[in-house]
Amino acid sequence: MRGVALAERMDPYRQPTGRPRVAAILSVVESCRRLAIPVRKYLNEILPGLADRSIQLVADLTPTAWAARQNPAKL
């Protein structure tokens, strides 16, 4: 949770509209860390095709689902 404190300190304007976005990004990053997923590798594979996905397929893009596809025997 150290990242949350750092993100709040680095926000010079303290805009309330940005906090949900920061929380969502930090949630994904922390999930990757808990699952021992390289964050950059995950984001590099997920983000480019995100705009073309339908909302019904977003569950396939979670860190847990991504890790299961990368190494099915591990999870």
PDB file of N, CA and C in Angstrom:
ATOM      1  N   MET A   1       0.810  -1.187   0.000  1.00  0.00           N
ATOM      2  CA  MET A   1       0.000   0.000   0.000  1.00  0.00           C
ATOM      3  C   MET A   1       0.859   1.260   0.000  1.00  0.00           C
ATOM      4  N   ARG A   2       2.142   1.080  -0.003  1.00  0.00           N
ATOM      5  CA  ARG A   2       3.041   2.230  -0.048  1.00  0.00           C
ATOM      6  C   ARG A   2       2.813   3.048  -1.311  1.00  0.00           C
ATOM      7  N   GLY A   3       2.478   2.371  -2.396  1.00  0.00           N
ATOM      8  CA  GLY A   3       2.221   3.062  -3.651  1.00  0.00           C
ATOM      9  C   GLY A   3       1.062   4.034  -3.562  1.00  0.00           C
ATOM     10  N   VAL A   4       0.047   3.708  -2.768  1.00  0.00           N
ATOM     11  CA  VAL A   4      -1.100   4.594  -2.610  1.00  0.00           C
ATOM     12  C   VAL A   4      -0.669   5.882  -1.930  1.00  0.00           C
ATOM     13  N   ALA A   5       0.119   5.762  -0.886  1.00  0.00           N
ATOM     14  CA  ALA A   5       0.586   6.950  -0.174  1.00  0.00           C
ATOM     15  C   ALA A   5       1.470   7.809  -1.081  1.00  0.00           C
ATOM     16  N   LEU A   6       2.320   7.178  -1.855  1.00  0.00           N
ATOM     17  CA  LEU A   6       3.174   7.932  -2.769  1.00  0.00           C
ATOM     18  C   LEU A   6       2.351   8.624  -3.844  1.00  0.00           C
ATOM     19  N   ALA A   7       1.340   7.952  -4.357  1.00  0.00           N
ATOM     20  CA  ALA A   7       0.500   8.552  -5.394  1.00  0.00           C
ATOM     21  C   ALA A   7      -0.247   9.758  -4.856  1.00  0.00           C
ATOM     22  N   GLU A   8      -0.717   9.688  -3.630  1.00  0.00           N
ATOM     23  CA  GLU A   8      -1.423  10.821  -3.050  1.00  0.00           C
ATOM     24  C   GLU A   8      -0.484  12.006  -2.841  1.00  0.00           C
ATOM     25  N   ARG A   9       0.727  11.724  -2.409  1.00  0.00           N
ATOM     26  CA  ARG A   9       1.683  12.803  -2.188  1.00  0.00           C
ATOM     27  C   ARG A   9       2.113  13.464  -3.493  1.00  0.00           C
ATOM     28  N   MET A  10       2.177  12.674  -4.565  1.00  0.00           N
ATOM     29  CA  MET A  10       2.651  13.189  -5.840  1.00  0.00           C
ATOM     30  C   MET A  10       1.566  13.967  -6.589  1.00  0.00           C
ATOM     31  N   ASP A  11       0.319  13.893  -6.154  1.00  0.00           N
ATOM     32  CA  ASP A  11      -0.778  14.592  -6.807  1.00  0.00           C
ATOM     33  C   ASP A  11      -0.837  16.023  -6.290  1.00  0.00           C
ATOM     34  N   PRO A  12      -0.269  16.978  -7.023  1.00  0.00           N
ATOM     35  CA  PRO A  12      -0.189  18.344  -6.508  1.00  0.00           C
ATOM     36  C   PRO A  12      -1.539  19.052  -6.432  1.00  0.00           C
ATOM     37  N   TYR A  13      -2.497  18.618  -7.238  1.00  0.00           N
ATOM     38  CA  TYR A  13      -3.782  19.300  -7.277  1.00  0.00           C
ATOM     39  C   TYR A  13      -4.844  18.611  -6.429  1.00  0.00           C
ATOM     40  N   ARG A  14      -4.592  17.378  -6.030  1.00  0.00           N
ATOM     41  CA  ARG A  14      -5.522  16.599  -5.204  1.00  0.00           C
ATOM     42  C   ARG A  14      -6.937  16.605  -5.794  1.00  0.00           C
ATOM     43  N   GLN A  15      -7.016  16.315  -7.072  1.00  0.00           N
ATOM     44  CA  GLN A  15      -8.311  16.311  -7.739  1.00  0.00           C
ATOM     45  C   GLN A  15      -9.067  15.028  -7.405  1.00  0.00           C
ATOM     46  N   PRO A  16     -10.281  15.148  -6.898  1.00  0.00           N
ATOM     47  CA  PRO A  16     -11.039  13.951  -6.518  1.00  0.00           C
ATOM     48  C   PRO A  16     -11.429  13.078  -7.705  1.00  0.00           C
ATOM     49  N   THR A  17     -11.482  13.640  -8.910  1.00  0.00           N
ATOM     50  CA  THR A  17     -11.869  12.834 -10.073  1.00  0.00           C
ATOM     51  C   THR A  17     -10.772  11.861 -10.483  1.00  0.00           C
ATOM     52  N   GLY A  18      -9.544  12.136 -10.123  1.00  0.00           N
ATOM     53  CA  GLY A  18      -8.448  11.259 -10.498  1.00  0.00           C
ATOM     54  C   GLY A  18      -8.238  10.099  -9.548  1.00  0.00           C
ATOM     55  N   ARG A  19      -8.748  10.198  -8.352  1.00  0.00           N
ATOM     56  CA  ARG A  19      -8.512   9.154  -7.353  1.00  0.00           C
ATOM     57  C   ARG A  19      -9.074   7.790  -7.731  1.00  0.00           C
ATOM     58  N   PRO A  20     -10.283   7.689  -8.288  1.00  0.00           N
ATOM     59  CA  PRO A  20     -10.753   6.366  -8.709  1.00  0.00           C
ATOM     60  C   PRO A  20      -9.878   5.740  -9.792  1.00  0.00           C
ATOM     61  N   ARG A  21      -9.346   6.569 -10.668  1.00  0.00           N
ATOM     62  CA  ARG A  21      -8.463   6.058 -11.721  1.00  0.00           C
ATOM     63  C   ARG A  21      -7.160   5.534 -11.127  1.00  0.00           C
ATOM     64  N   VAL A  22      -6.606   6.297 -10.209  1.00  0.00           N
ATOM     65  CA  VAL A  22      -5.370   5.866  -9.546  1.00  0.00           C
ATOM     66  C   VAL A  22      -5.628   4.582  -8.770  1.00  0.00           C
ATOM     67  N   ALA A  23      -6.758   4.504  -8.092  1.00  0.00           N
ATOM     68  CA  ALA A  23      -7.093   3.305  -7.320  1.00  0.00           C
ATOM     69  C   ALA A  23      -7.209   2.088  -8.232  1.00  0.00           C
ATOM     70  N   ALA A  24      -7.808   2.247  -9.394  1.00  0.00           N
ATOM     71  CA  ALA A  24      -7.947   1.126 -10.335  1.00  0.00           C
ATOM     72  C   ALA A  24      -6.589   0.666 -10.849  1.00  0.00           C
ATOM     73  N   ILE A  25      -5.741   1.608 -11.195  1.00  0.00           N
ATOM     74  CA  ILE A  25      -4.403   1.257 -11.689  1.00  0.00           C
ATOM     75  C   ILE A  25      -3.593   0.560 -10.606  1.00  0.00           C
ATOM     76  N   LEU A  26      -3.632   1.101  -9.394  1.00  0.00           N
ATOM     77  CA  LEU A  26      -2.885   0.483  -8.295  1.00  0.00           C
ATOM     78  C   LEU A  26      -3.423  -0.893  -7.947  1.00  0.00           C
ATOM     79  N   SER A  27      -4.714  -1.095  -8.096  1.00  0.00           N
ATOM     80  CA  SER A  27      -5.308  -2.403  -7.846  1.00  0.00           C
ATOM     81  C   SER A  27      -4.762  -3.451  -8.818  1.00  0.00           C
ATOM     82  N   VAL A  28      -4.672  -3.083 -10.083  1.00  0.00           N
ATOM     83  CA  VAL A  28      -4.124  -3.999 -11.093  1.00  0.00           C
ATOM     84  C   VAL A  28      -2.653  -4.284 -10.808  1.00  0.00           C
ATOM     85  N   VAL A  29      -1.890  -3.250 -10.486  1.00  0.00           N
ATOM     86  CA  VAL A  29      -0.462  -3.425 -10.209  1.00  0.00           C
ATOM     87  C   VAL A  29      -0.253  -4.318  -8.987  1.00  0.00           C
ATOM     88  N   GLU A  30      -1.023  -4.092  -7.935  1.00  0.00           N
ATOM     89  CA  GLU A  30      -0.882  -4.915  -6.729  1.00  0.00           C
ATOM     90  C   GLU A  30      -1.309  -6.356  -6.986  1.00  0.00           C
ATOM     91  N   SER A  31      -2.331  -6.564  -7.801  1.00  0.00           N
ATOM     92  CA  SER A  31      -2.738  -7.924  -8.159  1.00  0.00           C
ATOM     93  C   SER A  31      -1.622  -8.638  -8.909  1.00  0.00           C
ATOM     94  N   CYS A  32      -0.976  -7.931  -9.813  1.00  0.00           N
ATOM     95  CA  CYS A  32       0.154  -8.513 -10.544  1.00  0.00           C
ATOM     96  C   CYS A  32       1.277  -8.888  -9.582  1.00  0.00           C
ATOM     97  N   ARG A  33       1.576  -8.011  -8.666  1.00  0.00           N
ATOM     98  CA  ARG A  33       2.646  -8.294  -7.700  1.00  0.00           C
ATOM     99  C   ARG A  33       2.320  -9.505  -6.844  1.00  0.00           C
ATOM    100  N   ARG A  34       1.066  -9.605  -6.389  1.00  0.00           N
ATOM    101  CA  ARG A  34       0.668 -10.749  -5.565  1.00  0.00           C
ATOM    102  C   ARG A  34       0.773 -12.063  -6.327  1.00  0.00           C
ATOM    103  N   LEU A  35       0.508 -12.013  -7.622  1.00  0.00           N
ATOM    104  CA  LEU A  35       0.569 -13.214  -8.453  1.00  0.00           C
ATOM    105  C   LEU A  35       1.942 -13.438  -9.070  1.00  0.00           C
ATOM    106  N   ALA A  36       2.909 -12.587  -8.715  1.00  0.00           N
ATOM    107  CA  ALA A  36       4.275 -12.664  -9.238  1.00  0.00           C
ATOM    108  C   ALA A  36       4.306 -12.546 -10.763  1.00  0.00           C
ATOM    109  N   ILE A  37       3.485 -11.646 -11.286  1.00  0.00           N
ATOM    110  CA  ILE A  37       3.419 -11.372 -12.717  1.00  0.00           C
ATOM    111  C   ILE A  37       4.250 -10.125 -12.992  1.00  0.00           C
ATOM    112  N   PRO A  38       5.105 -10.151 -13.999  1.00  0.00           N
ATOM    113  CA  PRO A  38       5.818  -8.925 -14.378  1.00  0.00           C
ATOM    114  C   PRO A  38       4.805  -7.883 -14.870  1.00  0.00           C
ATOM    115  N   VAL A  39       4.701  -6.782 -14.167  1.00  0.00           N
ATOM    116  CA  VAL A  39       3.671  -5.781 -14.444  1.00  0.00           C
ATOM    117  C   VAL A  39       3.796  -5.230 -15.864  1.00  0.00           C
ATOM    118  N   ARG A  40       5.005  -4.892 -16.267  1.00  0.00           N
ATOM    119  CA  ARG A  40       5.182  -4.336 -17.618  1.00  0.00           C
ATOM    120  C   ARG A  40       4.795  -5.333 -18.699  1.00  0.00           C
ATOM    121  N   LYS A  41       5.154  -6.578 -18.529  1.00  0.00           N
ATOM    122  CA  LYS A  41       4.805  -7.602 -19.519  1.00  0.00           C
ATOM    123  C   LYS A  41       3.289  -7.748 -19.615  1.00  0.00           C
ATOM    124  N   TYR A  42       2.630  -7.781 -18.458  1.00  0.00           N
ATOM    125  CA  TYR A  42       1.169  -7.889 -18.428  1.00  0.00           C
ATOM    126  C   TYR A  42       0.528  -6.699 -19.145  1.00  0.00           C
ATOM    127  N   LEU A  43       0.933  -5.491 -18.783  1.00  0.00           N
ATOM    128  CA  LEU A  43       0.337  -4.302 -19.384  1.00  0.00           C
ATOM    129  C   LEU A  43       0.655  -4.194 -20.876  1.00  0.00           C
ATOM    130  N   ASN A  44       1.863  -4.591 -21.284  1.00  0.00           N
ATOM    131  CA  ASN A  44       2.222  -4.551 -22.706  1.00  0.00           C
ATOM    132  C   ASN A  44       1.377  -5.499 -23.544  1.00  0.00           C
ATOM    133  N   GLU A  45       0.929  -6.597 -22.948  1.00  0.00           N
ATOM    134  CA  GLU A  45       0.106  -7.543 -23.688  1.00  0.00           C
ATOM    135  C   GLU A  45      -1.376  -7.196 -23.634  1.00  0.00           C
ATOM    136  N   ILE A  46      -1.825  -6.603 -22.556  1.00  0.00           N
ATOM    137  CA  ILE A  46      -3.248  -6.340 -22.358  1.00  0.00           C
ATOM    138  C   ILE A  46      -3.701  -5.010 -22.965  1.00  0.00           C
ATOM    139  N   LEU A  47      -2.961  -3.954 -22.737  1.00  0.00           N
ATOM    140  CA  LEU A  47      -3.418  -2.618 -23.124  1.00  0.00           C
ATOM    141  C   LEU A  47      -3.619  -2.402 -24.625  1.00  0.00           C
ATOM    142  N   PRO A  48      -2.750  -2.898 -25.508  1.00  0.00           N
ATOM    143  CA  PRO A  48      -2.961  -2.612 -26.933  1.00  0.00           C
ATOM    144  C   PRO A  48      -4.307  -3.104 -27.479  1.00  0.00           C
ATOM    145  N   GLY A  49      -4.819  -4.210 -27.027  1.00  0.00           N
ATOM    146  CA  GLY A  49      -6.077  -4.736 -27.553  1.00  0.00           C
ATOM    147  C   GLY A  49      -7.292  -4.393 -26.719  1.00  0.00           C
ATOM    148  N   LEU A  50      -7.117  -3.619 -25.683  1.00  0.00           N
ATOM    149  CA  LEU A  50      -8.208  -3.323 -24.754  1.00  0.00           C
ATOM    150  C   LEU A  50      -9.359  -2.575 -25.423  1.00  0.00           C
ATOM    151  N   ALA A  51      -9.078  -1.637 -26.262  1.00  0.00           N
ATOM    152  CA  ALA A  51     -10.131  -0.842 -26.902  1.00  0.00           C
ATOM    153  C   ALA A  51     -10.993  -1.673 -27.846  1.00  0.00           C
ATOM    154  N   ASP A  52     -10.449  -2.765 -28.371  1.00  0.00           N
ATOM    155  CA  ASP A  52     -11.186  -3.594 -29.319  1.00  0.00           C
ATOM    156  C   ASP A  52     -12.003  -4.698 -28.660  1.00  0.00           C
ATOM    157  N   ARG A  53     -11.898  -4.846 -27.356  1.00  0.00           N
ATOM    158  CA  ARG A  53     -12.611  -5.905 -26.636  1.00  0.00           C
ATOM    159  C   ARG A  53     -14.020  -5.470 -26.259  1.00  0.00           C
ATOM    160  N   SER A  54     -14.923  -6.418 -26.252  1.00  0.00           N
ATOM    161  CA  SER A  54     -16.264  -6.108 -25.760  1.00  0.00           C
ATOM    162  C   SER A  54     -16.252  -6.205 -24.238  1.00  0.00           C
ATOM    163  N   ILE A  55     -17.207  -5.571 -23.612  1.00  0.00           N
ATOM    164  CA  ILE A  55     -17.260  -5.528 -22.153  1.00  0.00           C
ATOM    165  C   ILE A  55     -17.453  -6.931 -21.566  1.00  0.00           C
ATOM    166  N   GLN A  56     -18.063  -7.831 -22.312  1.00  0.00           N
ATOM    167  CA  GLN A  56     -18.283  -9.195 -21.827  1.00  0.00           C
ATOM    168  C   GLN A  56     -16.983  -9.985 -21.712  1.00  0.00           C
ATOM    169  N   LEU A  57     -15.948  -9.573 -22.431  1.00  0.00           N
ATOM    170  CA  LEU A  57     -14.682 -10.301 -22.426  1.00  0.00           C
ATOM    171  C   LEU A  57     -13.628  -9.678 -21.516  1.00  0.00           C
ATOM    172  N   VAL A  58     -13.985  -8.651 -20.780  1.00  0.00           N
ATOM    173  CA  VAL A  58     -13.013  -7.972 -19.921  1.00  0.00           C
ATOM    174  C   VAL A  58     -12.516  -8.898 -18.810  1.00  0.00           C
ATOM    175  N   ALA A  59     -13.340  -9.816 -18.348  1.00  0.00           N
ATOM    176  CA  ALA A  59     -12.920 -10.754 -17.289  1.00  0.00           C
ATOM    177  C   ALA A  59     -11.722 -11.587 -17.733  1.00  0.00           C
ATOM    178  N   ASP A  60     -11.563 -11.796 -19.022  1.00  0.00           N
ATOM    179  CA  ASP A  60     -10.421 -12.551 -19.541  1.00  0.00           C
ATOM    180  C   ASP A  60      -9.119 -11.768 -19.455  1.00  0.00           C
ATOM    181  N   LEU A  61      -9.201 -10.484 -19.162  1.00  0.00           N
ATOM    182  CA  LEU A  61      -8.016  -9.629 -19.129  1.00  0.00           C
ATOM    183  C   LEU A  61      -7.491  -9.382 -17.723  1.00  0.00           C
ATOM    184  N   THR A  62      -8.126  -9.941 -16.715  1.00  0.00           N
ATOM    185  CA  THR A  62      -7.663  -9.739 -15.342  1.00  0.00           C
ATOM    186  C   THR A  62      -6.299 -10.394 -15.149  1.00  0.00           C
ATOM    187  N   PRO A  63      -5.524  -9.928 -14.189  1.00  0.00           N
ATOM    188  CA  PRO A  63      -4.220 -10.557 -13.943  1.00  0.00           C
ATOM    189  C   PRO A  63      -4.313 -12.055 -13.653  1.00  0.00           C
ATOM    190  N   THR A  64      -5.343 -12.477 -12.938  1.00  0.00           N
ATOM    191  CA  THR A  64      -5.499 -13.901 -12.623  1.00  0.00           C
ATOM    192  C   THR A  64      -5.740 -14.718 -13.889  1.00  0.00           C
ATOM    193  N   ALA A  65      -6.634 -14.253 -14.754  1.00  0.00           N
ATOM    194  CA  ALA A  65      -6.915 -14.967 -16.002  1.00  0.00           C
ATOM    195  C   ALA A  65      -5.697 -14.967 -16.917  1.00  0.00           C
ATOM    196  N   TRP A  66      -4.989 -13.839 -16.960  1.00  0.00           N
ATOM    197  CA  TRP A  66      -3.793 -13.745 -17.794  1.00  0.00           C
ATOM    198  C   TRP A  66      -2.727 -14.731 -17.310  1.00  0.00           C
ATOM    199  N   ALA A  67      -2.532 -14.796 -15.994  1.00  0.00           N
ATOM    200  CA  ALA A  67      -1.532 -15.710 -15.428  1.00  0.00           C
ATOM    201  C   ALA A  67      -1.905 -17.161 -15.713  1.00  0.00           C
ATOM    202  N   ALA A  68      -3.184 -17.473 -15.646  1.00  0.00           N
ATOM    203  CA  ALA A  68      -3.625 -18.841 -15.935  1.00  0.00           C
ATOM    204  C   ALA A  68      -3.345 -19.226 -17.383  1.00  0.00           C
ATOM    205  N   ARG A  69      -3.489 -18.282 -18.302  1.00  0.00           N
ATOM    206  CA  ARG A  69      -3.171 -18.570 -19.708  1.00  0.00           C
ATOM    207  C   ARG A  69      -1.674 -18.707 -19.939  1.00  0.00           C
ATOM    208  N   GLN A  70      -0.868 -17.954 -19.191  1.00  0.00           N
ATOM    209  CA  GLN A  70       0.579 -17.993 -19.360  1.00  0.00           C
ATOM    210  C   GLN A  70       1.179 -19.286 -18.827  1.00  0.00           C
ATOM    211  N   ASN A  71       0.664 -19.744 -17.694  1.00  0.00           N
ATOM    212  CA  ASN A  71       1.203 -20.936 -17.055  1.00  0.00           C
ATOM    213  C   ASN A  71       0.063 -21.705 -16.396  1.00  0.00           C
ATOM    214  N   PRO A  72      -0.655 -22.531 -17.148  1.00  0.00           N
ATOM    215  CA  PRO A  72      -1.839 -23.207 -16.619  1.00  0.00           C
ATOM    216  C   PRO A  72      -1.534 -24.138 -15.440  1.00  0.00           C
ATOM    217  N   ALA A  73      -0.363 -24.708 -15.382  1.00  0.00           N
ATOM    218  CA  ALA A  73      -0.042 -25.648 -14.315  1.00  0.00           C
ATOM    219  C   ALA A  73       0.210 -24.947 -12.979  1.00  0.00           C
ATOM    220  N   LYS A  74       0.619 -23.694 -13.029  1.00  0.00           N
ATOM    221  CA  LYS A  74       0.981 -22.958 -11.809  1.00  0.00           C
ATOM    222  C   LYS A  74      -0.251 -22.573 -10.995  1.00  0.00           C
ATOM    223  N   LEU A  75      -1.341 -22.154 -11.631  1.00  0.00           N
ATOM    224  CA  LEU A  75      -2.538 -21.728 -10.911  1.00  0.00           C
ATOM    225  C   LEU A  75      -3.513 -22.818 -10.807  1.00  0.00           C
TER     226      LEU A  75
END
